[in-house]
Amino acid sequence: MATTQSEDPNERVDHPRHYNAHQSGIETIELIEHLPYNLGAAIKYIWRCGLKSSETPLRDLSSAKWYTKREISREEIFELGKVGLKTEVVWRSLARKVIASEPECTLAYYLDALLCGRGHEMTQVLDEAIDELLDADTSAS
């Protein structure tokens, strides 16, 4: 189900630019609707990182890390990793398309770790992106 970017630059609900501008042609919702909430929220924050004018990249990445850690805890407590997702084929296919379109970015590294079941790497990817932002802020000062 392909979506199109809204022509209205102030659009906040239907297809906002910060969720619909990825070079893969996939809108964020197309991927995250197939995932558990916490992972979808984390990907949403990584996806829009640096694109939404009302939020800083550091805040977006910190939020993504929070949701990632919460999902890892939830999976450990309830042993959810054994269940699998009914829509796994769909989100895996979409995630691979996103990764292929821009393989050297935080979103791609995060999705790759998620695809491979490497939860610890998901938070590591976010830690590295946060450190890069903090280093850049320090250098700019």
N, C-alpha and C. Protein backbone atom coordinates (compact mmCIF):
# COMPACT_ATOMS: atom_id res chain seq x y z
N MET A 1 0.85 -1.16 0.00
CA MET A 1 0.00 0.00 0.00
C MET A 1 0.91 1.23 0.00
N ALA A 2 1.21 1.75 -1.14
CA ALA A 2 2.06 2.93 -1.25
C ALA A 2 1.29 4.18 -0.84
N THR A 3 2.00 5.08 -0.22
CA THR A 3 1.40 6.34 0.20
C THR A 3 2.13 7.48 -0.49
N THR A 4 1.51 8.63 -0.46
CA THR A 4 2.15 9.78 -1.09
C THR A 4 2.33 10.89 -0.07
N GLN A 5 3.34 11.66 -0.29
CA GLN A 5 3.64 12.76 0.61
C GLN A 5 2.62 13.88 0.44
N SER A 6 2.21 14.45 1.54
CA SER A 6 1.25 15.54 1.50
C SER A 6 1.89 16.76 0.85
N GLU A 7 1.11 17.49 0.10
CA GLU A 7 1.59 18.73 -0.52
C GLU A 7 1.65 19.87 0.50
N ASP A 8 0.89 19.75 1.56
CA ASP A 8 0.83 20.78 2.60
C ASP A 8 2.06 20.66 3.50
N PRO A 9 2.97 21.66 3.52
CA PRO A 9 4.17 21.57 4.35
C PRO A 9 3.86 21.55 5.85
N ASN A 10 2.66 21.96 6.23
CA ASN A 10 2.29 21.96 7.64
C ASN A 10 1.50 20.72 8.04
N GLU A 11 1.36 19.77 7.14
CA GLU A 11 0.59 18.56 7.40
C GLU A 11 1.17 17.80 8.59
N ARG A 12 0.34 17.49 9.56
CA ARG A 12 0.80 16.81 10.75
C ARG A 12 0.20 15.43 10.93
N VAL A 13 -0.82 15.09 10.15
CA VAL A 13 -1.51 13.82 10.36
C VAL A 13 -1.33 12.87 9.18
N ASP A 14 -1.80 13.25 8.01
CA ASP A 14 -1.74 12.37 6.84
C ASP A 14 -0.44 12.56 6.09
N HIS A 15 0.45 11.62 6.20
CA HIS A 15 1.69 11.58 5.43
C HIS A 15 2.61 12.80 5.64
N PRO A 16 2.97 13.10 6.89
CA PRO A 16 3.89 14.22 7.11
C PRO A 16 5.25 13.94 6.47
N ARG A 17 5.90 14.99 6.05
CA ARG A 17 7.17 14.86 5.32
C ARG A 17 8.23 14.10 6.10
N HIS A 18 8.31 14.31 7.42
CA HIS A 18 9.36 13.66 8.19
C HIS A 18 9.17 12.15 8.32
N TYR A 19 8.02 11.63 7.91
CA TYR A 19 7.80 10.18 7.89
C TYR A 19 7.67 9.64 6.47
N ASN A 20 7.78 10.50 5.49
CA ASN A 20 7.49 10.09 4.12
C ASN A 20 8.57 10.51 3.13
N ALA A 21 9.73 10.90 3.62
CA ALA A 21 10.75 11.42 2.73
C ALA A 21 11.91 10.45 2.51
N HIS A 22 11.80 9.23 2.98
CA HIS A 22 12.91 8.29 2.85
C HIS A 22 13.10 7.89 1.39
N GLN A 23 14.34 7.77 0.97
CA GLN A 23 14.63 7.47 -0.43
C GLN A 23 14.18 6.08 -0.85
N SER A 24 13.82 5.22 0.10
CA SER A 24 13.30 3.89 -0.26
C SER A 24 11.90 3.97 -0.86
N GLY A 25 11.22 5.11 -0.63
CA GLY A 25 9.84 5.25 -1.11
C GLY A 25 8.83 4.67 -0.14
N ILE A 26 9.30 4.15 0.96
CA ILE A 26 8.42 3.57 1.98
C ILE A 26 8.10 4.64 3.01
N GLU A 27 6.84 4.73 3.40
CA GLU A 27 6.45 5.62 4.48
C GLU A 27 6.59 4.85 5.79
N THR A 28 7.00 5.53 6.82
CA THR A 28 7.26 4.90 8.12
C THR A 28 6.15 3.95 8.54
N ILE A 29 4.91 4.37 8.45
CA ILE A 29 3.79 3.58 8.92
C ILE A 29 3.70 2.23 8.22
N GLU A 30 4.12 2.17 6.96
CA GLU A 30 4.06 0.92 6.21
C GLU A 30 4.93 -0.17 6.85
N LEU A 31 6.01 0.24 7.45
CA LEU A 31 6.91 -0.71 8.11
C LEU A 31 6.49 -0.95 9.55
N ILE A 32 6.27 0.11 10.31
CA ILE A 32 6.08 -0.06 11.75
C ILE A 32 4.74 -0.66 12.14
N GLU A 33 3.74 -0.61 11.27
CA GLU A 33 2.44 -1.18 11.63
C GLU A 33 2.51 -2.70 11.76
N HIS A 34 3.58 -3.30 11.32
CA HIS A 34 3.75 -4.75 11.40
C HIS A 34 4.58 -5.17 12.61
N LEU A 35 4.96 -4.25 13.45
CA LEU A 35 5.83 -4.52 14.58
C LEU A 35 5.13 -4.28 15.91
N PRO A 36 5.67 -4.85 16.99
CA PRO A 36 5.16 -4.50 18.31
C PRO A 36 5.33 -2.99 18.53
N TYR A 37 4.48 -2.43 19.36
CA TYR A 37 4.45 -0.98 19.55
C TYR A 37 5.82 -0.39 19.88
N ASN A 38 6.52 -0.94 20.85
CA ASN A 38 7.78 -0.33 21.28
C ASN A 38 8.81 -0.28 20.16
N LEU A 39 8.90 -1.34 19.36
CA LEU A 39 9.84 -1.33 18.25
C LEU A 39 9.39 -0.36 17.16
N GLY A 40 8.10 -0.31 16.92
CA GLY A 40 7.58 0.65 15.94
C GLY A 40 7.87 2.08 16.36
N ALA A 41 7.69 2.36 17.65
CA ALA A 41 7.96 3.72 18.16
C ALA A 41 9.44 4.04 18.02
N ALA A 42 10.31 3.08 18.33
CA ALA A 42 11.76 3.31 18.22
C ALA A 42 12.14 3.61 16.77
N ILE A 43 11.62 2.82 15.85
CA ILE A 43 11.93 3.04 14.43
C ILE A 43 11.39 4.39 13.97
N LYS A 44 10.21 4.76 14.43
CA LYS A 44 9.63 6.05 14.07
C LYS A 44 10.57 7.19 14.48
N TYR A 45 11.10 7.12 15.69
CA TYR A 45 12.00 8.18 16.15
C TYR A 45 13.30 8.21 15.36
N ILE A 46 13.85 7.04 15.03
CA ILE A 46 15.08 7.01 14.24
C ILE A 46 14.80 7.53 12.83
N TRP A 47 13.68 7.13 12.27
CA TRP A 47 13.30 7.51 10.90
C TRP A 47 13.23 9.03 10.75
N ARG A 48 12.62 9.69 11.72
CA ARG A 48 12.40 11.13 11.61
C ARG A 48 13.56 11.95 12.17
N CYS A 49 14.58 11.28 12.70
CA CYS A 49 15.69 11.96 13.35
C CYS A 49 16.29 13.04 12.44
N GLY A 50 16.26 14.26 12.94
CA GLY A 50 16.80 15.38 12.19
C GLY A 50 15.87 15.96 11.13
N LEU A 51 14.69 15.37 10.97
CA LEU A 51 13.76 15.84 9.94
C LEU A 51 12.58 16.62 10.50
N LYS A 52 12.26 16.42 11.76
CA LYS A 52 11.11 17.09 12.36
C LYS A 52 11.62 18.33 13.08
N SER A 53 11.16 19.48 12.65
CA SER A 53 11.70 20.74 13.16
C SER A 53 11.45 20.96 14.64
N SER A 54 10.43 20.34 15.20
CA SER A 54 10.11 20.60 16.60
C SER A 54 10.90 19.72 17.57
N GLU A 55 11.69 18.79 17.06
CA GLU A 55 12.47 17.90 17.92
C GLU A 55 13.94 17.92 17.49
N THR A 56 14.83 17.69 18.46
CA THR A 56 16.25 17.62 18.14
C THR A 56 16.61 16.17 17.82
N PRO A 57 17.64 15.96 17.02
CA PRO A 57 18.08 14.59 16.75
C PRO A 57 18.43 13.83 18.03
N LEU A 58 19.04 14.51 18.99
CA LEU A 58 19.41 13.86 20.25
C LEU A 58 18.16 13.36 20.98
N ARG A 59 17.13 14.16 21.00
CA ARG A 59 15.89 13.74 21.66
C ARG A 59 15.25 12.56 20.94
N ASP A 60 15.25 12.60 19.60
CA ASP A 60 14.69 11.48 18.84
C ASP A 60 15.45 10.19 19.12
N LEU A 61 16.77 10.24 19.10
CA LEU A 61 17.56 9.03 19.33
C LEU A 61 17.44 8.54 20.77
N SER A 62 17.37 9.46 21.71
CA SER A 62 17.19 9.07 23.11
C SER A 62 15.84 8.39 23.31
N SER A 63 14.81 8.90 22.65
CA SER A 63 13.49 8.28 22.72
C SER A 63 13.52 6.88 22.10
N ALA A 64 14.21 6.75 20.97
CA ALA A 64 14.32 5.44 20.32
C ALA A 64 15.02 4.44 21.24
N LYS A 65 16.05 4.90 21.91
CA LYS A 65 16.77 4.02 22.84
C LYS A 65 15.86 3.59 23.98
N TRP A 66 15.08 4.50 24.53
CA TRP A 66 14.17 4.19 25.63
C TRP A 66 13.18 3.09 25.22
N TYR A 67 12.57 3.26 24.05
CA TYR A 67 11.60 2.27 23.57
C TYR A 67 12.27 0.93 23.27
N THR A 68 13.49 0.96 22.74
CA THR A 68 14.21 -0.27 22.45
C THR A 68 14.49 -1.04 23.73
N LYS A 69 14.99 -0.35 24.74
CA LYS A 69 15.28 -1.01 26.01
C LYS A 69 14.01 -1.57 26.64
N ARG A 70 12.93 -0.85 26.52
CA ARG A 70 11.65 -1.31 27.07
C ARG A 70 11.18 -2.58 26.35
N GLU A 71 11.35 -2.64 25.05
CA GLU A 71 10.94 -3.83 24.30
C GLU A 71 11.83 -5.02 24.65
N ILE A 72 13.11 -4.80 24.79
CA ILE A 72 14.02 -5.88 25.17
C ILE A 72 13.61 -6.44 26.53
N SER A 73 13.31 -5.57 27.48
CA SER A 73 12.86 -6.01 28.82
C SER A 73 11.55 -6.78 28.72
N ARG A 74 10.63 -6.29 27.92
CA ARG A 74 9.33 -6.93 27.76
C ARG A 74 9.51 -8.34 27.18
N GLU A 75 10.36 -8.46 26.18
CA GLU A 75 10.59 -9.77 25.57
C GLU A 75 11.22 -10.73 26.56
N GLU A 76 12.14 -10.22 27.39
CA GLU A 76 12.78 -11.08 28.38
C GLU A 76 11.79 -11.54 29.44
N ILE A 77 10.94 -10.64 29.91
CA ILE A 77 9.98 -10.97 30.95
C ILE A 77 8.95 -11.98 30.47
N PHE A 78 8.43 -11.76 29.29
CA PHE A 78 7.34 -12.60 28.79
C PHE A 78 7.78 -13.66 27.78
N GLU A 79 9.09 -13.76 27.53
CA GLU A 79 9.64 -14.72 26.57
C GLU A 79 8.94 -14.61 25.22
N LEU A 80 8.77 -13.37 24.77
CA LEU A 80 8.04 -13.13 23.53
C LEU A 80 8.82 -13.51 22.28
N GLY A 81 10.12 -13.61 22.38
CA GLY A 81 10.93 -13.95 21.23
C GLY A 81 10.57 -15.31 20.63
N LYS A 82 9.95 -16.16 21.43
CA LYS A 82 9.59 -17.50 20.96
C LYS A 82 8.30 -17.51 20.14
N VAL A 83 7.52 -16.46 20.23
CA VAL A 83 6.21 -16.43 19.59
C VAL A 83 6.31 -16.11 18.10
N GLY A 84 7.08 -15.09 17.74
CA GLY A 84 7.16 -14.66 16.34
C GLY A 84 5.98 -13.78 15.98
N LEU A 85 6.10 -13.08 14.89
CA LEU A 85 5.06 -12.16 14.45
C LEU A 85 4.33 -12.71 13.24
N LYS A 86 3.03 -12.57 13.22
CA LYS A 86 2.24 -13.04 12.08
C LYS A 86 2.60 -12.27 10.82
N THR A 87 2.98 -11.04 10.97
CA THR A 87 3.30 -10.21 9.80
C THR A 87 4.81 -10.09 9.58
N GLU A 88 5.54 -11.04 10.10
CA GLU A 88 7.00 -10.98 10.03
C GLU A 88 7.53 -10.86 8.61
N VAL A 89 6.96 -11.60 7.69
CA VAL A 89 7.43 -11.58 6.30
C VAL A 89 7.30 -10.18 5.72
N VAL A 90 6.20 -9.51 6.02
CA VAL A 90 5.95 -8.17 5.48
C VAL A 90 6.97 -7.18 6.01
N TRP A 91 7.10 -7.09 7.33
CA TRP A 91 8.00 -6.08 7.87
C TRP A 91 9.45 -6.38 7.53
N ARG A 92 9.82 -7.65 7.48
CA ARG A 92 11.19 -7.98 7.10
C ARG A 92 11.49 -7.54 5.67
N SER A 93 10.55 -7.74 4.78
CA SER A 93 10.72 -7.33 3.39
C SER A 93 10.85 -5.81 3.29
N LEU A 94 9.99 -5.09 4.00
CA LEU A 94 10.06 -3.63 3.98
C LEU A 94 11.36 -3.13 4.61
N ALA A 95 11.76 -3.75 5.71
CA ALA A 95 12.99 -3.34 6.37
C ALA A 95 14.20 -3.53 5.46
N ARG A 96 14.23 -4.65 4.73
CA ARG A 96 15.35 -4.89 3.81
C ARG A 96 15.38 -3.84 2.69
N LYS A 97 14.22 -3.41 2.23
CA LYS A 97 14.16 -2.39 1.19
C LYS A 97 14.70 -1.06 1.72
N VAL A 98 14.34 -0.71 2.96
CA VAL A 98 14.85 0.52 3.58
C VAL A 98 16.36 0.44 3.72
N ILE A 99 16.86 -0.67 4.21
CA ILE A 99 18.31 -0.86 4.40
C ILE A 99 19.04 -0.75 3.06
N ALA A 100 18.52 -1.39 2.05
CA ALA A 100 19.17 -1.39 0.73
C ALA A 100 19.23 0.00 0.12
N SER A 101 18.24 0.83 0.41
CA SER A 101 18.21 2.15 -0.21
C SER A 101 19.19 3.12 0.44
N GLU A 102 19.55 2.87 1.68
CA GLU A 102 20.50 3.76 2.37
C GLU A 102 21.21 2.94 3.46
N PRO A 103 22.15 2.07 3.07
CA PRO A 103 22.72 1.10 4.00
C PRO A 103 23.64 1.67 5.09
N GLU A 104 24.15 2.86 4.90
CA GLU A 104 25.12 3.42 5.84
C GLU A 104 24.51 4.50 6.72
N CYS A 105 23.40 4.19 7.38
CA CYS A 105 22.79 5.20 8.25
C CYS A 105 22.27 4.51 9.51
N THR A 106 21.96 5.30 10.51
CA THR A 106 21.49 4.79 11.79
C THR A 106 20.26 3.91 11.62
N LEU A 107 19.30 4.34 10.83
CA LEU A 107 18.09 3.56 10.63
C LEU A 107 18.42 2.19 10.04
N ALA A 108 19.29 2.13 9.07
CA ALA A 108 19.67 0.85 8.45
C ALA A 108 20.38 -0.06 9.44
N TYR A 109 21.29 0.49 10.22
CA TYR A 109 22.01 -0.31 11.21
C TYR A 109 21.04 -0.86 12.26
N TYR A 110 20.11 -0.03 12.70
CA TYR A 110 19.11 -0.44 13.69
C TYR A 110 18.22 -1.55 13.13
N LEU A 111 17.70 -1.35 11.92
CA LEU A 111 16.83 -2.35 11.30
C LEU A 111 17.58 -3.66 11.07
N ASP A 112 18.84 -3.58 10.67
CA ASP A 112 19.62 -4.78 10.46
C ASP A 112 19.78 -5.57 11.76
N ALA A 113 20.09 -4.88 12.84
CA ALA A 113 20.21 -5.54 14.14
C ALA A 113 18.87 -6.16 14.55
N LEU A 114 17.78 -5.46 14.30
CA LEU A 114 16.45 -5.98 14.62
C LEU A 114 16.15 -7.23 13.78
N LEU A 115 16.44 -7.18 12.49
CA LEU A 115 16.22 -8.33 11.61
C LEU A 115 16.98 -9.57 12.07
N CYS A 116 18.17 -9.33 12.60
CA CYS A 116 19.04 -10.45 13.00
C CYS A 116 18.87 -10.84 14.46
N GLY A 117 17.95 -10.17 15.17
CA GLY A 117 17.70 -10.52 16.57
C GLY A 117 18.82 -10.15 17.51
N ARG A 118 19.54 -9.08 17.19
CA ARG A 118 20.65 -8.64 18.03
C ARG A 118 20.24 -7.41 18.83
N GLY A 119 19.42 -7.61 19.86
CA GLY A 119 18.89 -6.52 20.67
C GLY A 119 19.95 -5.61 21.25
N HIS A 120 21.02 -6.19 21.74
CA HIS A 120 22.08 -5.37 22.33
C HIS A 120 22.70 -4.42 21.31
N GLU A 121 22.75 -4.84 20.04
CA GLU A 121 23.29 -3.97 18.99
C GLU A 121 22.35 -2.83 18.66
N MET A 122 21.05 -3.05 18.86
CA MET A 122 20.08 -1.98 18.60
C MET A 122 20.36 -0.80 19.51
N THR A 123 20.58 -1.05 20.80
CA THR A 123 20.88 0.05 21.71
C THR A 123 22.28 0.60 21.45
N GLN A 124 23.21 -0.24 21.05
CA GLN A 124 24.56 0.21 20.73
C GLN A 124 24.55 1.17 19.54
N VAL A 125 23.75 0.86 18.51
CA VAL A 125 23.62 1.74 17.35
C VAL A 125 23.13 3.12 17.79
N LEU A 126 22.15 3.13 18.69
CA LEU A 126 21.60 4.40 19.18
C LEU A 126 22.62 5.14 20.04
N ASP A 127 23.36 4.41 20.88
CA ASP A 127 24.40 5.04 21.69
C ASP A 127 25.44 5.73 20.81
N GLU A 128 25.85 5.04 19.74
CA GLU A 128 26.85 5.61 18.83
C GLU A 128 26.31 6.86 18.12
N ALA A 129 25.05 6.81 17.70
CA ALA A 129 24.45 7.98 17.03
C ALA A 129 24.33 9.15 18.00
N ILE A 130 23.96 8.86 19.24
CA ILE A 130 23.86 9.92 20.26
C ILE A 130 25.23 10.52 20.52
N ASP A 131 26.25 9.66 20.66
CA ASP A 131 27.62 10.15 20.88
C ASP A 131 28.09 11.04 19.74
N GLU A 132 27.78 10.65 18.51
CA GLU A 132 28.17 11.47 17.35
C GLU A 132 27.51 12.84 17.40
N LEU A 133 26.23 12.88 17.79
CA LEU A 133 25.54 14.17 17.90
C LEU A 133 26.16 15.03 18.99
N LEU A 134 26.44 14.42 20.12
CA LEU A 134 27.04 15.17 21.23
C LEU A 134 28.44 15.68 20.86
N ASP A 135 29.20 14.85 20.17
CA ASP A 135 30.54 15.28 19.71
C ASP A 135 30.44 16.44 18.73
N ALA A 136 29.45 16.35 17.82
CA ALA A 136 29.27 17.43 16.85
C ALA A 136 28.85 18.72 17.54
N ASP A 137 27.98 18.62 18.55
CA ASP A 137 27.56 19.81 19.30
C ASP A 137 28.74 20.43 20.04
N THR A 138 29.59 19.59 20.60
CA THR A 138 30.77 20.06 21.33
C THR A 138 31.74 20.74 20.37
N SER A 139 31.93 20.16 19.20
CA SER A 139 32.84 20.71 18.20
C SER A 139 32.32 22.05 17.67
N ALA A 140 31.01 22.17 17.55
CA ALA A 140 30.41 23.39 17.01
C ALA A 140 30.47 24.54 18.00
N SER A 141 30.57 24.20 19.27
CA SER A 141 30.59 25.26 20.32
C SER A 141 31.89 25.97 20.42
